[in-house]
Every structure is written in C-alpha cells, then in structure tokens.
C-alpha cells in the first residue's frame, strides 16, 4: 500500500479547484479521500461506502428541495466530501 494519503485540502489546492470555496465542513479538510466518484444521482447512500470525494454539478438537485436535503444528509452520514458547482 502506498504511504501517500490524499486529503481534501490536497484536492482543493489542485489548479482545477482553484476557484472552489469551502462553505461548510472546514474541519473536514484534513480528511483522507479513499476514492473519487463523478455522480449526477440524488440517492448516493446506496452506492458509496464512505470517505469518498463526490464530484457533481448538482443539476439533478436543483428541482426539489427535498432531494437536495436528502443528498446533503447522505453526504454527512457517509462522511463524504462533495464540492458543488
């Protein structure tokens, strides 16, 4: 196993995330990222184990506040990282 551990802060320092803004979860910036997923689905809790980075545009979340809340709650419960654009 590699001794390198990718942290959320490492991801945010990448040039592709230079305009990203942390609006919540500052205490999670030192969390390890075990895997990265690109998803455009609302119900992520059945597909992810935890401690992953989820990249999404959030397009599927813009039509329903209930879906948005469900998505955020699943992210919190699974200890996921998720920048929204």
N, C-alpha and C. Protein backbone atom coordinates (compact mmCIF):
# COMPACT_ATOMS: atom_id res chain seq x y z
N UNK A 1 0.83 -1.18 0.00
CA UNK A 1 0.00 0.00 0.00
C UNK A 1 0.89 1.25 0.00
N UNK A 2 0.49 2.24 -0.74
CA UNK A 2 1.26 3.47 -0.86
C UNK A 2 1.18 4.30 0.43
N UNK A 3 2.29 4.92 0.83
CA UNK A 3 2.26 5.77 2.02
C UNK A 3 1.56 7.11 1.76
N UNK A 4 1.34 7.44 0.48
CA UNK A 4 0.68 8.71 0.15
C UNK A 4 -0.79 8.65 0.52
N UNK A 5 -1.26 9.70 1.17
CA UNK A 5 -2.67 9.80 1.51
C UNK A 5 -3.19 11.13 0.98
N UNK A 6 -4.18 11.05 0.11
CA UNK A 6 -4.80 12.24 -0.45
C UNK A 6 -5.81 12.80 0.54
N UNK A 7 -5.69 14.07 0.81
CA UNK A 7 -6.61 14.74 1.73
C UNK A 7 -7.47 15.73 0.94
N UNK A 8 -8.58 16.10 1.51
CA UNK A 8 -9.48 17.06 0.86
C UNK A 8 -8.72 18.34 0.54
N UNK A 9 -7.90 18.80 1.44
CA UNK A 9 -7.12 20.02 1.23
C UNK A 9 -6.21 19.89 0.01
N UNK A 10 -5.64 18.71 -0.19
CA UNK A 10 -4.80 18.47 -1.37
C UNK A 10 -5.60 18.66 -2.66
N UNK A 11 -6.82 18.16 -2.66
CA UNK A 11 -7.68 18.29 -3.84
C UNK A 11 -7.97 19.76 -4.11
N UNK A 12 -8.28 20.51 -3.07
CA UNK A 12 -8.62 21.92 -3.24
C UNK A 12 -7.43 22.76 -3.70
N UNK A 13 -6.22 22.27 -3.50
CA UNK A 13 -5.04 23.00 -3.94
C UNK A 13 -4.69 22.72 -5.40
N UNK A 14 -5.40 21.77 -6.01
CA UNK A 14 -5.20 21.45 -7.42
C UNK A 14 -5.70 22.62 -8.27
N UNK A 15 -5.05 22.87 -9.40
CA UNK A 15 -5.40 24.02 -10.24
C UNK A 15 -6.84 23.98 -10.73
N UNK A 16 -7.43 22.81 -10.87
CA UNK A 16 -8.80 22.69 -11.34
C UNK A 16 -9.83 23.10 -10.29
N UNK A 17 -9.41 23.20 -9.05
CA UNK A 17 -10.29 23.60 -7.97
C UNK A 17 -9.89 24.95 -7.37
N UNK A 18 -9.10 25.72 -8.10
CA UNK A 18 -8.58 26.98 -7.56
C UNK A 18 -9.68 27.98 -7.24
N UNK A 19 -10.84 27.87 -7.88
CA UNK A 19 -11.95 28.78 -7.60
C UNK A 19 -12.96 28.20 -6.63
N UNK A 20 -12.68 27.02 -6.11
CA UNK A 20 -13.60 26.39 -5.16
C UNK A 20 -13.59 27.16 -3.85
N UNK A 21 -14.74 27.18 -3.22
CA UNK A 21 -14.88 27.87 -1.94
C UNK A 21 -15.49 26.91 -0.93
N UNK A 22 -14.85 26.77 0.21
CA UNK A 22 -15.38 25.92 1.27
C UNK A 22 -16.43 26.74 2.02
N UNK A 23 -17.67 26.27 1.97
CA UNK A 23 -18.75 27.00 2.64
C UNK A 23 -19.22 26.28 3.90
N UNK A 24 -18.84 25.03 4.05
CA UNK A 24 -19.18 24.27 5.25
C UNK A 24 -18.21 23.11 5.39
N UNK A 25 -18.03 22.65 6.59
CA UNK A 25 -17.18 21.49 6.81
C UNK A 25 -15.70 21.76 6.81
N UNK A 26 -15.31 22.95 7.23
CA UNK A 26 -13.88 23.29 7.27
C UNK A 26 -13.07 22.29 8.09
N UNK A 27 -13.68 21.71 9.12
CA UNK A 27 -12.95 20.76 9.96
C UNK A 27 -12.65 19.45 9.22
N UNK A 28 -13.30 19.23 8.08
CA UNK A 28 -13.06 18.02 7.31
C UNK A 28 -11.99 18.15 6.25
N UNK A 29 -11.32 19.28 6.17
CA UNK A 29 -10.32 19.50 5.13
C UNK A 29 -9.11 18.57 5.25
N UNK A 30 -8.87 18.04 6.42
CA UNK A 30 -7.72 17.14 6.61
C UNK A 30 -8.13 15.67 6.51
N UNK A 31 -9.40 15.43 6.16
CA UNK A 31 -9.87 14.05 5.99
C UNK A 31 -9.23 13.39 4.78
N UNK A 32 -8.98 12.10 4.90
CA UNK A 32 -8.45 11.32 3.78
C UNK A 32 -9.54 11.07 2.75
N UNK A 33 -9.14 11.04 1.49
CA UNK A 33 -10.04 10.69 0.39
C UNK A 33 -9.62 9.31 -0.09
N UNK A 34 -10.51 8.34 0.06
CA UNK A 34 -10.18 6.97 -0.33
C UNK A 34 -10.48 6.70 -1.80
N UNK A 35 -11.44 7.42 -2.36
CA UNK A 35 -11.84 7.19 -3.74
C UNK A 35 -12.57 8.43 -4.24
N UNK A 36 -12.61 8.61 -5.55
CA UNK A 36 -13.31 9.74 -6.15
C UNK A 36 -14.37 9.21 -7.11
N UNK A 37 -15.57 9.78 -7.03
CA UNK A 37 -16.68 9.39 -7.91
C UNK A 37 -17.23 10.64 -8.59
N UNK A 38 -17.64 10.49 -9.83
CA UNK A 38 -18.37 11.54 -10.54
C UNK A 38 -19.79 11.04 -10.66
N UNK A 39 -20.71 11.72 -9.98
CA UNK A 39 -22.10 11.26 -9.92
C UNK A 39 -23.06 12.40 -10.21
N UNK A 40 -24.16 12.07 -10.85
CA UNK A 40 -25.26 13.02 -11.06
C UNK A 40 -26.56 12.40 -10.58
N UNK A 41 -26.47 11.58 -9.55
CA UNK A 41 -27.67 10.97 -9.00
C UNK A 41 -27.97 11.59 -7.64
N UNK A 42 -29.22 11.46 -7.22
CA UNK A 42 -29.64 12.08 -5.96
C UNK A 42 -29.36 11.17 -4.77
N UNK A 43 -29.68 9.90 -4.90
CA UNK A 43 -29.58 8.98 -3.77
C UNK A 43 -28.24 8.24 -3.81
N UNK A 44 -27.24 8.86 -3.21
CA UNK A 44 -25.87 8.33 -3.25
C UNK A 44 -25.61 7.32 -2.14
N UNK A 45 -26.45 7.28 -1.13
CA UNK A 45 -26.17 6.46 0.03
C UNK A 45 -26.12 4.97 -0.28
N UNK A 46 -26.76 4.50 -1.33
CA UNK A 46 -26.71 3.08 -1.68
C UNK A 46 -25.47 2.70 -2.48
N UNK A 47 -24.76 3.68 -3.01
CA UNK A 47 -23.64 3.41 -3.91
C UNK A 47 -22.27 3.66 -3.28
N UNK A 48 -22.23 4.37 -2.18
CA UNK A 48 -20.95 4.77 -1.61
C UNK A 48 -20.76 4.21 -0.21
N UNK A 49 -19.51 3.93 0.12
CA UNK A 49 -19.18 3.33 1.41
C UNK A 49 -18.92 4.41 2.46
N UNK A 50 -18.16 5.41 2.08
CA UNK A 50 -17.79 6.48 2.99
C UNK A 50 -16.38 6.95 2.75
N UNK A 51 -16.11 8.16 3.11
CA UNK A 51 -14.80 8.80 2.96
C UNK A 51 -14.38 8.94 1.50
N UNK A 52 -15.37 9.08 0.60
CA UNK A 52 -15.06 9.32 -0.80
C UNK A 52 -15.27 10.78 -1.13
N UNK A 53 -14.72 11.18 -2.25
CA UNK A 53 -14.94 12.52 -2.79
C UNK A 53 -15.94 12.37 -3.93
N UNK A 54 -17.03 13.10 -3.86
CA UNK A 54 -18.07 13.05 -4.89
C UNK A 54 -18.03 14.36 -5.67
N UNK A 55 -17.83 14.24 -6.97
CA UNK A 55 -17.86 15.41 -7.85
C UNK A 55 -19.19 15.41 -8.57
N UNK A 56 -19.89 16.51 -8.53
CA UNK A 56 -21.19 16.63 -9.17
C UNK A 56 -21.45 18.07 -9.56
N UNK A 57 -22.24 18.24 -10.61
CA UNK A 57 -22.66 19.59 -10.98
C UNK A 57 -23.86 20.02 -10.16
N UNK A 58 -24.57 19.05 -9.60
CA UNK A 58 -25.76 19.35 -8.82
C UNK A 58 -27.00 19.57 -9.67
N UNK A 59 -26.92 19.30 -10.97
CA UNK A 59 -28.06 19.52 -11.85
C UNK A 59 -29.29 18.74 -11.41
N UNK A 60 -29.09 17.53 -10.92
CA UNK A 60 -30.22 16.71 -10.51
C UNK A 60 -30.84 17.19 -9.19
N UNK A 61 -30.18 18.13 -8.53
CA UNK A 61 -30.65 18.60 -7.22
C UNK A 61 -31.41 19.91 -7.28
N UNK A 62 -31.46 20.55 -8.42
CA UNK A 62 -31.98 21.91 -8.49
C UNK A 62 -33.50 22.01 -8.55
N UNK A 63 -34.20 20.90 -8.71
CA UNK A 63 -35.65 20.98 -8.89
C UNK A 63 -36.45 20.68 -7.63
N UNK A 64 -35.81 20.13 -6.61
CA UNK A 64 -36.54 19.72 -5.42
C UNK A 64 -35.71 19.97 -4.17
N UNK A 65 -36.24 20.74 -3.26
CA UNK A 65 -35.54 20.99 -2.00
C UNK A 65 -35.43 19.70 -1.19
N UNK A 66 -36.44 18.83 -1.30
CA UNK A 66 -36.40 17.56 -0.59
C UNK A 66 -35.25 16.68 -1.08
N UNK A 67 -35.06 16.64 -2.40
CA UNK A 67 -33.95 15.87 -2.96
C UNK A 67 -32.61 16.45 -2.52
N UNK A 68 -32.51 17.77 -2.51
CA UNK A 68 -31.28 18.42 -2.09
C UNK A 68 -30.96 18.08 -0.64
N UNK A 69 -31.95 18.18 0.24
CA UNK A 69 -31.75 17.87 1.66
C UNK A 69 -31.36 16.41 1.84
N UNK A 70 -32.03 15.51 1.11
CA UNK A 70 -31.71 14.09 1.19
C UNK A 70 -30.26 13.83 0.76
N UNK A 71 -29.83 14.50 -0.30
CA UNK A 71 -28.47 14.37 -0.80
C UNK A 71 -27.46 14.84 0.25
N UNK A 72 -27.70 16.00 0.82
CA UNK A 72 -26.79 16.55 1.84
C UNK A 72 -26.74 15.65 3.07
N UNK A 73 -27.89 15.15 3.51
CA UNK A 73 -27.92 14.26 4.67
C UNK A 73 -27.13 12.98 4.41
N UNK A 74 -27.23 12.43 3.21
CA UNK A 74 -26.48 11.22 2.86
C UNK A 74 -24.98 11.50 2.86
N UNK A 75 -24.59 12.66 2.36
CA UNK A 75 -23.17 13.05 2.35
C UNK A 75 -22.63 13.14 3.78
N UNK A 76 -23.41 13.73 4.65
CA UNK A 76 -22.99 13.88 6.05
C UNK A 76 -22.88 12.51 6.72
N UNK A 77 -23.87 11.67 6.55
CA UNK A 77 -23.88 10.35 7.20
C UNK A 77 -22.73 9.47 6.72
N UNK A 78 -22.40 9.53 5.46
CA UNK A 78 -21.34 8.69 4.90
C UNK A 78 -19.95 9.33 5.02
N UNK A 79 -19.90 10.53 5.57
CA UNK A 79 -18.64 11.26 5.70
C UNK A 79 -17.97 11.44 4.34
N UNK A 80 -18.78 11.90 3.38
CA UNK A 80 -18.30 12.17 2.04
C UNK A 80 -17.87 13.62 1.91
N UNK A 81 -17.08 13.90 0.91
CA UNK A 81 -16.71 15.26 0.55
C UNK A 81 -17.40 15.53 -0.77
N UNK A 82 -17.98 16.70 -0.92
CA UNK A 82 -18.70 16.95 -2.15
C UNK A 82 -18.70 18.43 -2.49
N UNK A 83 -17.81 18.83 -3.40
CA UNK A 83 -17.91 20.21 -3.89
C UNK A 83 -19.04 20.32 -4.89
N UNK A 84 -19.89 21.32 -4.72
CA UNK A 84 -20.99 21.57 -5.65
C UNK A 84 -20.64 22.79 -6.48
N UNK A 85 -20.95 22.75 -7.75
CA UNK A 85 -20.67 23.88 -8.63
C UNK A 85 -21.94 24.50 -9.10
